Amino acid sequence: MDFKADTLILNGCHRAFGGGYEDGNRTGCLRGTRESVLDEIEHWTEDFCKSPVFWLNGLAGTGKTTIAQTVAERVFADGRLGASFFCSRGVEDRSNLQLIFPTLAFQLA
């Protein structure tokens, strides 16, 4: 296949639109806040001997999405972000769990 055909196939894939870190009205952490967890995640992104999954958990409203936004912005700025997906209850295709992996696969392709 040629590039044009590949692009047509990819564009026809069922995926969420606007679910990446740059979409929506999320903001990152305020400068100087959450530094310990951000440093921990930064070290994790650089250590390929660690688990391939970093599990960020906590109660609702404790800043998990804000931390994830900050990390995504930083790794994108470093040219290391492959793909991102931020769920959103208020947006139909970003609240559909079946669209997470197809969306990430599309971004990676």
PDB file of N, CA and C in Angstrom:
ATOM      1  N   MET A   1       0.826  -1.186   0.000  1.00  0.00           N
ATOM      2  CA  MET A   1       0.000   0.000   0.000  1.00  0.00           C
ATOM      3  C   MET A   1       0.867   1.245   0.000  1.00  0.00           C
ATOM      4  N   ASP A   2       0.328   2.296  -0.508  1.00  0.00           N
ATOM      5  CA  ASP A   2       1.047   3.554  -0.473  1.00  0.00           C
ATOM      6  C   ASP A   2       0.564   4.405   0.699  1.00  0.00           C
ATOM      7  N   PHE A   3       1.255   5.508   0.910  1.00  0.00           N
ATOM      8  CA  PHE A   3       0.945   6.376   2.041  1.00  0.00           C
ATOM      9  C   PHE A   3      -0.482   6.885   1.973  1.00  0.00           C
ATOM     10  N   LYS A   4      -0.962   7.238   0.788  1.00  0.00           N
ATOM     11  CA  LYS A   4      -2.313   7.770   0.630  1.00  0.00           C
ATOM     12  C   LYS A   4      -3.363   6.738   1.033  1.00  0.00           C
ATOM     13  N   ALA A   5      -3.153   5.487   0.633  1.00  0.00           N
ATOM     14  CA  ALA A   5      -4.100   4.422   0.991  1.00  0.00           C
ATOM     15  C   ALA A   5      -4.064   4.160   2.493  1.00  0.00           C
ATOM     16  N   ASP A   6      -2.863   4.150   3.062  1.00  0.00           N
ATOM     17  CA  ASP A   6      -2.734   3.948   4.512  1.00  0.00           C
ATOM     18  C   ASP A   6      -3.469   5.044   5.275  1.00  0.00           C
ATOM     19  N   THR A   7      -3.332   6.275   4.812  1.00  0.00           N
ATOM     20  CA  THR A   7      -3.988   7.401   5.464  1.00  0.00           C
ATOM     21  C   THR A   7      -5.502   7.275   5.380  1.00  0.00           C
ATOM     22  N   LEU A   8      -6.006   6.845   4.247  1.00  0.00           N
ATOM     23  CA  LEU A   8      -7.455   6.653   4.097  1.00  0.00           C
ATOM     24  C   LEU A   8      -7.964   5.589   5.057  1.00  0.00           C
ATOM     25  N   ILE A   9      -7.227   4.508   5.187  1.00  0.00           N
ATOM     26  CA  ILE A   9      -7.620   3.430   6.103  1.00  0.00           C
ATOM     27  C   ILE A   9      -7.606   3.942   7.541  1.00  0.00           C
ATOM     28  N   LEU A  10      -6.533   4.618   7.936  1.00  0.00           N
ATOM     29  CA  LEU A  10      -6.432   5.146   9.298  1.00  0.00           C
ATOM     30  C   LEU A  10      -7.541   6.137   9.599  1.00  0.00           C
ATOM     31  N   ASN A  11      -7.822   7.023   8.654  1.00  0.00           N
ATOM     32  CA  ASN A  11      -8.858   8.022   8.884  1.00  0.00           C
ATOM     33  C   ASN A  11     -10.244   7.402   9.003  1.00  0.00           C
ATOM     34  N   GLY A  12     -10.412   6.186   8.491  1.00  0.00           N
ATOM     35  CA  GLY A  12     -11.696   5.505   8.595  1.00  0.00           C
ATOM     36  C   GLY A  12     -11.878   4.713   9.874  1.00  0.00           C
ATOM     37  N   CYS A  13     -10.839   4.625  10.693  1.00  0.00           N
ATOM     38  CA  CYS A  13     -10.917   3.865  11.943  1.00  0.00           C
ATOM     39  C   CYS A  13     -11.832   4.571  12.940  1.00  0.00           C
ATOM     40  N   HIS A  14     -12.623   3.774  13.636  1.00  0.00           N
ATOM     41  CA  HIS A  14     -13.523   4.316  14.666  1.00  0.00           C
ATOM     42  C   HIS A  14     -12.692   4.631  15.908  1.00  0.00           C
ATOM     43  N   ARG A  15     -12.625   5.897  16.250  1.00  0.00           N
ATOM     44  CA  ARG A  15     -11.814   6.341  17.378  1.00  0.00           C
ATOM     45  C   ARG A  15     -12.443   7.587  17.990  1.00  0.00           C
ATOM     46  N   ALA A  16     -11.935   7.968  19.138  1.00  0.00           N
ATOM     47  CA  ALA A  16     -12.392   9.202  19.777  1.00  0.00           C
ATOM     48  C   ALA A  16     -11.658  10.381  19.158  1.00  0.00           C
ATOM     49  N   PHE A  17     -12.339  11.487  19.050  1.00  0.00           N
ATOM     50  CA  PHE A  17     -11.725  12.696  18.533  1.00  0.00           C
ATOM     51  C   PHE A  17     -11.503  13.665  19.687  1.00  0.00           C
ATOM     52  N   GLY A  18     -10.354  14.269  19.728  1.00  0.00           N
ATOM     53  CA  GLY A  18     -10.081  15.267  20.744  1.00  0.00           C
ATOM     54  C   GLY A  18      -9.835  14.706  22.127  1.00  0.00           C
ATOM     55  N   GLY A  19      -9.260  13.524  22.237  1.00  0.00           N
ATOM     56  CA  GLY A  19      -9.016  12.943  23.553  1.00  0.00           C
ATOM     57  C   GLY A  19      -7.588  13.073  24.027  1.00  0.00           C
ATOM     58  N   GLY A  20      -6.742  13.727  23.242  1.00  0.00           N
ATOM     59  CA  GLY A  20      -5.341  13.847  23.607  1.00  0.00           C
ATOM     60  C   GLY A  20      -5.091  14.886  24.673  1.00  0.00           C
ATOM     61  N   TYR A  21      -3.854  14.949  25.108  1.00  0.00           N
ATOM     62  CA  TYR A  21      -3.503  15.873  26.193  1.00  0.00           C
ATOM     63  C   TYR A  21      -3.734  17.328  25.808  1.00  0.00           C
ATOM     64  N   GLU A  22      -3.643  17.645  24.514  1.00  0.00           N
ATOM     65  CA  GLU A  22      -3.763  19.036  24.079  1.00  0.00           C
ATOM     66  C   GLU A  22      -5.212  19.474  23.873  1.00  0.00           C
ATOM     67  N   ASP A  23      -6.141  18.550  23.994  1.00  0.00           N
ATOM     68  CA  ASP A  23      -7.556  18.861  23.807  1.00  0.00           C
ATOM     69  C   ASP A  23      -8.238  19.104  25.150  1.00  0.00           C
ATOM     70  N   GLY A  24      -9.273  19.868  25.140  1.00  0.00           N
ATOM     71  CA  GLY A  24     -10.018  20.121  26.365  1.00  0.00           C
ATOM     72  C   GLY A  24      -9.487  21.336  27.095  1.00  0.00           C
ATOM     73  N   ASN A  25     -10.031  21.556  28.250  1.00  0.00           N
ATOM     74  CA  ASN A  25      -9.656  22.746  29.026  1.00  0.00           C
ATOM     75  C   ASN A  25      -8.892  22.387  30.296  1.00  0.00           C
ATOM     76  N   ARG A  26      -8.129  21.286  30.236  1.00  0.00           N
ATOM     77  CA  ARG A  26      -7.337  20.886  31.398  1.00  0.00           C
ATOM     78  C   ARG A  26      -6.092  21.759  31.512  1.00  0.00           C
ATOM     79  N   THR A  27      -5.664  21.974  32.723  1.00  0.00           N
ATOM     80  CA  THR A  27      -4.407  22.677  32.964  1.00  0.00           C
ATOM     81  C   THR A  27      -3.497  21.770  33.762  1.00  0.00           C
ATOM     82  N   GLY A  28      -2.217  22.012  33.643  1.00  0.00           N
ATOM     83  CA  GLY A  28      -1.246  21.234  34.388  1.00  0.00           C
ATOM     84  C   GLY A  28      -1.083  21.745  35.805  1.00  0.00           C
ATOM     85  N   CYS A  29      -0.152  21.140  36.501  1.00  0.00           N
ATOM     86  CA  CYS A  29       0.138  21.523  37.887  1.00  0.00           C
ATOM     87  C   CYS A  29       0.715  22.934  37.923  1.00  0.00           C
ATOM     88  N   LEU A  30       0.402  23.642  38.975  1.00  0.00           N
ATOM     89  CA  LEU A  30       1.022  24.948  39.187  1.00  0.00           C
ATOM     90  C   LEU A  30       2.510  24.750  39.450  1.00  0.00           C
ATOM     91  N   ARG A  31       3.302  25.670  38.966  1.00  0.00           N
ATOM     92  CA  ARG A  31       4.757  25.577  39.134  1.00  0.00           C
ATOM     93  C   ARG A  31       5.107  25.399  40.609  1.00  0.00           C
ATOM     94  N   GLY A  32       5.967  24.439  40.871  1.00  0.00           N
ATOM     95  CA  GLY A  32       6.419  24.198  42.239  1.00  0.00           C
ATOM     96  C   GLY A  32       5.536  23.268  43.052  1.00  0.00           C
ATOM     97  N   THR A  33       4.426  22.791  42.460  1.00  0.00           N
ATOM     98  CA  THR A  33       3.546  21.882  43.191  1.00  0.00           C
ATOM     99  C   THR A  33       3.702  20.467  42.659  1.00  0.00           C
ATOM    100  N   ARG A  34       3.396  19.518  43.467  1.00  0.00           N
ATOM    101  CA  ARG A  34       3.407  18.084  43.131  1.00  0.00           C
ATOM    102  C   ARG A  34       4.757  17.610  42.614  1.00  0.00           C
ATOM    103  N   GLU A  35       5.828  18.295  43.011  1.00  0.00           N
ATOM    104  CA  GLU A  35       7.167  18.010  42.492  1.00  0.00           C
ATOM    105  C   GLU A  35       7.636  16.588  42.789  1.00  0.00           C
ATOM    106  N   SER A  36       7.316  16.064  43.968  1.00  0.00           N
ATOM    107  CA  SER A  36       7.817  14.722  44.306  1.00  0.00           C
ATOM    108  C   SER A  36       7.200  13.663  43.397  1.00  0.00           C
ATOM    109  N   VAL A  37       5.902  13.728  43.174  1.00  0.00           N
ATOM    110  CA  VAL A  37       5.277  12.731  42.305  1.00  0.00           C
ATOM    111  C   VAL A  37       5.688  12.950  40.849  1.00  0.00           C
ATOM    112  N   LEU A  38       5.838  14.205  40.431  1.00  0.00           N
ATOM    113  CA  LEU A  38       6.285  14.478  39.064  1.00  0.00           C
ATOM    114  C   LEU A  38       7.713  13.973  38.851  1.00  0.00           C
ATOM    115  N   ASP A  39       8.575  14.140  39.853  1.00  0.00           N
ATOM    116  CA  ASP A  39       9.939  13.613  39.768  1.00  0.00           C
ATOM    117  C   ASP A  39       9.932  12.087  39.704  1.00  0.00           C
ATOM    118  N   GLU A  40       9.061  11.469  40.507  1.00  0.00           N
ATOM    119  CA  GLU A  40       8.961  10.002  40.501  1.00  0.00           C
ATOM    120  C   GLU A  40       8.537   9.499  39.124  1.00  0.00           C
ATOM    121  N   ILE A  41       7.569  10.153  38.516  1.00  0.00           N
ATOM    122  CA  ILE A  41       7.106   9.743  37.193  1.00  0.00           C
ATOM    123  C   ILE A  41       8.185  10.008  36.152  1.00  0.00           C
ATOM    124  N   GLU A  42       8.878  11.132  36.257  1.00  0.00           N
ATOM    125  CA  GLU A  42       9.961  11.455  35.318  1.00  0.00           C
ATOM    126  C   GLU A  42      11.042  10.385  35.369  1.00  0.00           C
ATOM    127  N   HIS A  43      11.424   9.954  36.576  1.00  0.00           N
ATOM    128  CA  HIS A  43      12.426   8.884  36.704  1.00  0.00           C
ATOM    129  C   HIS A  43      11.901   7.593  36.093  1.00  0.00           C
ATOM    130  N   TRP A  44      10.621   7.312  36.289  1.00  0.00           N
ATOM    131  CA  TRP A  44      10.010   6.107  35.713  1.00  0.00           C
ATOM    132  C   TRP A  44      10.086   6.139  34.191  1.00  0.00           C
ATOM    133  N   THR A  45       9.861   7.310  33.578  1.00  0.00           N
ATOM    134  CA  THR A  45       9.879   7.394  32.108  1.00  0.00           C
ATOM    135  C   THR A  45      11.264   7.150  31.541  1.00  0.00           C
ATOM    136  N   GLU A  46      12.285   7.297  32.360  1.00  0.00           N
ATOM    137  CA  GLU A  46      13.662   7.148  31.888  1.00  0.00           C
ATOM    138  C   GLU A  46      14.271   5.801  32.241  1.00  0.00           C
ATOM    139  N   ASP A  47      13.620   5.002  33.061  1.00  0.00           N
ATOM    140  CA  ASP A  47      14.173   3.724  33.525  1.00  0.00           C
ATOM    141  C   ASP A  47      13.429   2.574  32.853  1.00  0.00           C
ATOM    142  N   PHE A  48      14.039   2.010  31.829  1.00  0.00           N
ATOM    143  CA  PHE A  48      13.385   0.955  31.058  1.00  0.00           C
ATOM    144  C   PHE A  48      13.394  -0.395  31.764  1.00  0.00           C
ATOM    145  N   CYS A  49      14.021  -0.474  32.946  1.00  0.00           N
ATOM    146  CA  CYS A  49      13.993  -1.708  33.728  1.00  0.00           C
ATOM    147  C   CYS A  49      12.758  -1.772  34.624  1.00  0.00           C
ATOM    148  N   LYS A  50      12.086  -0.636  34.777  1.00  0.00           N
ATOM    149  CA  LYS A  50      10.885  -0.595  35.619  1.00  0.00           C
ATOM    150  C   LYS A  50       9.679  -1.111  34.854  1.00  0.00           C
ATOM    151  N   SER A  51       8.601  -1.327  35.562  1.00  0.00           N
ATOM    152  CA  SER A  51       7.351  -1.777  34.960  1.00  0.00           C
ATOM    153  C   SER A  51       6.945  -0.836  33.825  1.00  0.00           C
ATOM    154  N   PRO A  52       6.371  -1.364  32.734  1.00  0.00           N
ATOM    155  CA  PRO A  52       5.940  -0.491  31.633  1.00  0.00           C
ATOM    156  C   PRO A  52       4.676   0.317  31.960  1.00  0.00           C
ATOM    157  N   VAL A  53       4.099   0.082  33.136  1.00  0.00           N
ATOM    158  CA  VAL A  53       2.877   0.792  33.534  1.00  0.00           C
ATOM    159  C   VAL A  53       3.143   1.531  34.844  1.00  0.00           C
ATOM    160  N   PHE A  54       2.814   2.807  34.853  1.00  0.00           N
ATOM    161  CA  PHE A  54       2.871   3.584  36.091  1.00  0.00           C
ATOM    162  C   PHE A  54       1.429   3.792  36.533  1.00  0.00           C
ATOM    163  N   TRP A  55       1.085   3.265  37.680  1.00  0.00           N
ATOM    164  CA  TRP A  55      -0.293   3.328  38.162  1.00  0.00           C
ATOM    165  C   TRP A  55      -0.424   4.515  39.106  1.00  0.00           C
ATOM    166  N   LEU A  56      -1.070   5.570  38.627  1.00  0.00           N
ATOM    167  CA  LEU A  56      -1.323   6.759  39.436  1.00  0.00           C
ATOM    168  C   LEU A  56      -2.735   6.648  39.981  1.00  0.00           C
ATOM    169  N   ASN A  57      -2.860   6.523  41.282  1.00  0.00           N
ATOM    170  CA  ASN A  57      -4.200   6.349  41.849  1.00  0.00           C
ATOM    171  C   ASN A  57      -4.416   7.307  43.011  1.00  0.00           C
ATOM    172  N   GLY A  58      -5.656   7.490  43.338  1.00  0.00           N
ATOM    173  CA  GLY A  58      -6.023   8.367  44.442  1.00  0.00           C
ATOM    174  C   GLY A  58      -7.507   8.648  44.402  1.00  0.00           C
ATOM    175  N   LEU A  59      -7.997   9.280  45.429  1.00  0.00           N
ATOM    176  CA  LEU A  59      -9.408   9.622  45.507  1.00  0.00           C
ATOM    177  C   LEU A  59      -9.764  10.662  44.459  1.00  0.00           C
ATOM    178  N   ALA A  60     -11.039  10.739  44.139  1.00  0.00           N
ATOM    179  CA  ALA A  60     -11.524  11.745  43.198  1.00  0.00           C
ATOM    180  C   ALA A  60     -11.153  13.134  43.697  1.00  0.00           C
ATOM    181  N   GLY A  61     -10.689  13.961  42.778  1.00  0.00           N
ATOM    182  CA  GLY A  61     -10.377  15.339  43.125  1.00  0.00           C
ATOM    183  C   GLY A  61      -9.005  15.571  43.718  1.00  0.00           C
ATOM    184  N   THR A  62      -8.142  14.562  43.716  1.00  0.00           N
ATOM    185  CA  THR A  62      -6.822  14.724  44.329  1.00  0.00           C
ATOM    186  C   THR A  62      -5.749  15.165  43.337  1.00  0.00           C
ATOM    187  N   GLY A  63      -6.119  15.366  42.069  1.00  0.00           N
ATOM    188  CA  GLY A  63      -5.172  15.915  41.101  1.00  0.00           C
ATOM    189  C   GLY A  63      -4.542  14.932  40.142  1.00  0.00           C
ATOM    190  N   LYS A  64      -5.092  13.737  40.017  1.00  0.00           N
ATOM    191  CA  LYS A  64      -4.509  12.741  39.113  1.00  0.00           C
ATOM    192  C   LYS A  64      -4.483  13.231  37.659  1.00  0.00           C
ATOM    193  N   THR A  65      -5.581  13.801  37.208  1.00  0.00           N
ATOM    194  CA  THR A  65      -5.636  14.281  35.826  1.00  0.00           C
ATOM    195  C   THR A  65      -4.694  15.459  35.631  1.00  0.00           C
ATOM    196  N   THR A  66      -4.588  16.319  36.603  1.00  0.00           N
ATOM    197  CA  THR A  66      -3.680  17.459  36.507  1.00  0.00           C
ATOM    198  C   THR A  66      -2.236  16.985  36.426  1.00  0.00           C
ATOM    199  N   ILE A  67      -1.900  15.982  37.208  1.00  0.00           N
ATOM    200  CA  ILE A  67      -0.555  15.399  37.160  1.00  0.00           C
ATOM    201  C   ILE A  67      -0.325  14.758  35.792  1.00  0.00           C
ATOM    202  N   ALA A  68      -1.294  13.986  35.315  1.00  0.00           N
ATOM    203  CA  ALA A  68      -1.156  13.342  34.002  1.00  0.00           C
ATOM    204  C   ALA A  68      -1.012  14.384  32.899  1.00  0.00           C
ATOM    205  N   GLN A  69      -1.744  15.473  32.982  1.00  0.00           N
ATOM    206  CA  GLN A  69      -1.638  16.561  32.001  1.00  0.00           C
ATOM    207  C   GLN A  69      -0.226  17.139  31.998  1.00  0.00           C
ATOM    208  N   THR A  70       0.305  17.379  33.175  1.00  0.00           N
ATOM    209  CA  THR A  70       1.651  17.930  33.294  1.00  0.00           C
ATOM    210  C   THR A  70       2.682  16.979  32.716  1.00  0.00           C
ATOM    211  N   VAL A  71       2.566  15.710  33.043  1.00  0.00           N
ATOM    212  CA  VAL A  71       3.511  14.714  32.520  1.00  0.00           C
ATOM    213  C   VAL A  71       3.414  14.660  30.996  1.00  0.00           C
ATOM    214  N   ALA A  72       2.201  14.628  30.458  1.00  0.00           N
ATOM    215  CA  ALA A  72       2.027  14.580  29.005  1.00  0.00           C
ATOM    216  C   ALA A  72       2.655  15.800  28.343  1.00  0.00           C
ATOM    217  N   GLU A  73       2.448  16.972  28.908  1.00  0.00           N
ATOM    218  CA  GLU A  73       3.041  18.191  28.353  1.00  0.00           C
ATOM    219  C   GLU A  73       4.561  18.112  28.361  1.00  0.00           C
ATOM    220  N   ARG A  74       5.112  17.628  29.451  1.00  0.00           N
ATOM    221  CA  ARG A  74       6.574  17.550  29.567  1.00  0.00           C
ATOM    222  C   ARG A  74       7.173  16.540  28.601  1.00  0.00           C
ATOM    223  N   VAL A  75       6.586  15.353  28.532  1.00  0.00           N
ATOM    224  CA  VAL A  75       7.175  14.349  27.635  1.00  0.00           C
ATOM    225  C   VAL A  75       6.942  14.714  26.170  1.00  0.00           C
ATOM    226  N   PHE A  76       5.853  15.424  25.874  1.00  0.00           N
ATOM    227  CA  PHE A  76       5.658  15.911  24.515  1.00  0.00           C
ATOM    228  C   PHE A  76       6.739  16.933  24.168  1.00  0.00           C
ATOM    229  N   ALA A  77       7.008  17.848  25.089  1.00  0.00           N
ATOM    230  CA  ALA A  77       8.027  18.872  24.861  1.00  0.00           C
ATOM    231  C   ALA A  77       9.397  18.239  24.626  1.00  0.00           C
ATOM    232  N   ASP A  78       9.650  17.075  25.237  1.00  0.00           N
ATOM    233  CA  ASP A  78      10.910  16.359  25.061  1.00  0.00           C
ATOM    234  C   ASP A  78      10.899  15.452  23.837  1.00  0.00           C
ATOM    235  N   GLY A  79       9.769  15.403  23.125  1.00  0.00           N
ATOM    236  CA  GLY A  79       9.662  14.541  21.946  1.00  0.00           C
ATOM    237  C   GLY A  79       9.499  13.074  22.276  1.00  0.00           C
ATOM    238  N   ARG A  80       8.978  12.776  23.484  1.00  0.00           N
ATOM    239  CA  ARG A  80       8.861  11.386  23.915  1.00  0.00           C
ATOM    240  C   ARG A  80       7.425  10.900  24.094  1.00  0.00           C
ATOM    241  N   LEU A  81       6.437  11.719  23.738  1.00  0.00           N
ATOM    242  CA  LEU A  81       5.044  11.302  23.905  1.00  0.00           C
ATOM    243  C   LEU A  81       4.590  10.571  22.651  1.00  0.00           C
ATOM    244  N   GLY A  82       4.239   9.294  22.822  1.00  0.00           N
ATOM    245  CA  GLY A  82       3.739   8.521  21.691  1.00  0.00           C
ATOM    246  C   GLY A  82       2.265   8.777  21.453  1.00  0.00           C
ATOM    247  N   ALA A  83       1.481   8.780  22.506  1.00  0.00           N
ATOM    248  CA  ALA A  83       0.037   8.969  22.390  1.00  0.00           C
ATOM    249  C   ALA A  83      -0.514   9.317  23.771  1.00  0.00           C
ATOM    250  N   SER A  84      -1.710   9.878  23.780  1.00  0.00           N
ATOM    251  CA  SER A  84      -2.361  10.180  25.057  1.00  0.00           C
ATOM    252  C   SER A  84      -3.871  10.095  24.883  1.00  0.00           C
ATOM    253  N   PHE A  85      -4.533   9.778  25.974  1.00  0.00           N
ATOM    254  CA  PHE A  85      -5.999   9.721  25.969  1.00  0.00           C
ATOM    255  C   PHE A  85      -6.482  10.146  27.346  1.00  0.00           C
ATOM    256  N   PHE A  86      -7.330  11.152  27.375  1.00  0.00           N
ATOM    257  CA  PHE A  86      -7.922  11.622  28.617  1.00  0.00           C
ATOM    258  C   PHE A  86      -9.426  11.395  28.543  1.00  0.00           C
ATOM    259  N   CYS A  87      -9.926  10.574  29.448  1.00  0.00           N
ATOM    260  CA  CYS A  87     -11.368  10.307  29.495  1.00  0.00           C
ATOM    261  C   CYS A  87     -12.102  11.555  29.980  1.00  0.00           C
ATOM    262  N   SER A  88     -13.359  11.664  29.560  1.00  0.00           N
ATOM    263  CA  SER A  88     -14.188  12.789  29.978  1.00  0.00           C
ATOM    264  C   SER A  88     -15.643  12.346  30.000  1.00  0.00           C
ATOM    265  N   ARG A  89     -16.274  12.420  31.149  1.00  0.00           N
ATOM    266  CA  ARG A  89     -17.677  12.011  31.262  1.00  0.00           C
ATOM    267  C   ARG A  89     -18.592  12.834  30.369  1.00  0.00           C
ATOM    268  N   GLY A  90     -18.261  14.091  30.165  1.00  0.00           N
ATOM    269  CA  GLY A  90     -19.134  14.989  29.432  1.00  0.00           C
ATOM    270  C   GLY A  90     -19.034  14.893  27.917  1.00  0.00           C
ATOM    271  N   VAL A  91     -18.108  14.074  27.402  1.00  0.00           N
ATOM    272  CA  VAL A  91     -17.924  13.945  25.955  1.00  0.00           C
ATOM    273  C   VAL A  91     -18.125  12.483  25.586  1.00  0.00           C
ATOM    274  N   GLU A  92     -19.085  12.211  24.716  1.00  0.00           N
ATOM    275  CA  GLU A  92     -19.509  10.834  24.443  1.00  0.00           C
ATOM    276  C   GLU A  92     -18.370   9.907  24.033  1.00  0.00           C
ATOM    277  N   ASP A  93     -17.591  10.277  23.026  1.00  0.00           N
ATOM    278  CA  ASP A  93     -16.564   9.340  22.574  1.00  0.00           C
ATOM    279  C   ASP A  93     -15.367   9.269  23.518  1.00  0.00           C
ATOM    280  N   ARG A  94     -15.204  10.244  24.410  1.00  0.00           N
ATOM    281  CA  ARG A  94     -14.122  10.192  25.392  1.00  0.00           C
ATOM    282  C   ARG A  94     -14.560   9.514  26.688  1.00  0.00           C
ATOM    283  N   SER A  95     -15.804   9.082  26.749  1.00  0.00           N
ATOM    284  CA  SER A  95     -16.266   8.314  27.906  1.00  0.00           C
ATOM    285  C   SER A  95     -16.557   6.868  27.503  1.00  0.00           C
ATOM    286  N   ASN A  96     -16.258   6.533  26.257  1.00  0.00           N
ATOM    287  CA  ASN A  96     -16.474   5.182  25.738  1.00  0.00           C
ATOM    288  C   ASN A  96     -15.170   4.399  25.877  1.00  0.00           C
ATOM    289  N   LEU A  97     -15.139   3.454  26.805  1.00  0.00           N
ATOM    290  CA  LEU A  97     -13.918   2.692  27.069  1.00  0.00           C
ATOM    291  C   LEU A  97     -13.443   1.897  25.858  1.00  0.00           C
ATOM    292  N   GLN A  98     -14.363   1.541  24.969  1.00  0.00           N
ATOM    293  CA  GLN A  98     -13.989   0.774  23.775  1.00  0.00           C
ATOM    294  C   GLN A  98     -13.184   1.606  22.778  1.00  0.00           C
ATOM    295  N   LEU A  99     -13.136   2.907  22.952  1.00  0.00           N
ATOM    296  CA  LEU A  99     -12.410   3.761  22.010  1.00  0.00           C
ATOM    297  C   LEU A  99     -11.010   4.132  22.485  1.00  0.00           C
ATOM    298  N   ILE A 100     -10.648   3.771  23.713  1.00  0.00           N
ATOM    299  CA  ILE A 100      -9.337   4.155  24.234  1.00  0.00           C
ATOM    300  C   ILE A 100      -8.215   3.539  23.404  1.00  0.00           C
ATOM    301  N   PHE A 101      -8.200   2.230  23.266  1.00  0.00           N
ATOM    302  CA  PHE A 101      -7.095   1.591  22.553  1.00  0.00           C
ATOM    303  C   PHE A 101      -7.092   1.890  21.062  1.00  0.00           C
ATOM    304  N   PRO A 102      -8.224   1.920  20.374  1.00  0.00           N
ATOM    305  CA  PRO A 102      -8.179   2.328  18.957  1.00  0.00           C
ATOM    306  C   PRO A 102      -7.660   3.759  18.776  1.00  0.00           C
ATOM    307  N   THR A 103      -7.998   4.640  19.691  1.00  0.00           N
ATOM    308  CA  THR A 103      -7.522   6.027  19.598  1.00  0.00           C
ATOM    309  C   THR A 103      -6.023   6.102  19.811  1.00  0.00           C
ATOM    310  N   LEU A 104      -5.532   5.379  20.805  1.00  0.00           N
ATOM    311  CA  LEU A 104      -4.084   5.362  21.043  1.00  0.00           C
ATOM    312  C   LEU A 104      -3.350   4.722  19.872  1.00  0.00           C
ATOM    313  N   ALA A 105      -3.894   3.650  19.320  1.00  0.00           N
ATOM    314  CA  ALA A 105      -3.284   2.998  18.166  1.00  0.00           C
ATOM    315  C   ALA A 105      -3.240   3.942  16.968  1.00  0.00           C
ATOM    316  N   PHE A 106      -4.307   4.692  16.759  1.00  0.00           N
ATOM    317  CA  PHE A 106      -4.343   5.665  15.655  1.00  0.00           C
ATOM    318  C   PHE A 106      -3.252   6.712  15.847  1.00  0.00           C
ATOM    319  N   GLN A 107      -3.133   7.232  17.048  1.00  0.00           N
ATOM    320  CA  GLN A 107      -2.118   8.256  17.295  1.00  0.00           C
ATOM    321  C   GLN A 107      -0.718   7.706  17.080  1.00  0.00           C
ATOM    322  N   LEU A 108      -0.478   6.471  17.513  1.00  0.00           N
ATOM    323  CA  LEU A 108       0.832   5.867  17.344  1.00  0.00           C
ATOM    324  C   LEU A 108       1.158   5.606  15.871  1.00  0.00           C
ATOM    325  N   ALA A 109       0.121   5.236  15.111  1.00  0.00           N
ATOM    326  CA  ALA A 109       0.325   4.975  13.672  1.00  0.00           C
ATOM    327  C   ALA A 109       0.638   6.267  12.958  1.00  0.00           C
TER     328      ALA A 109
END
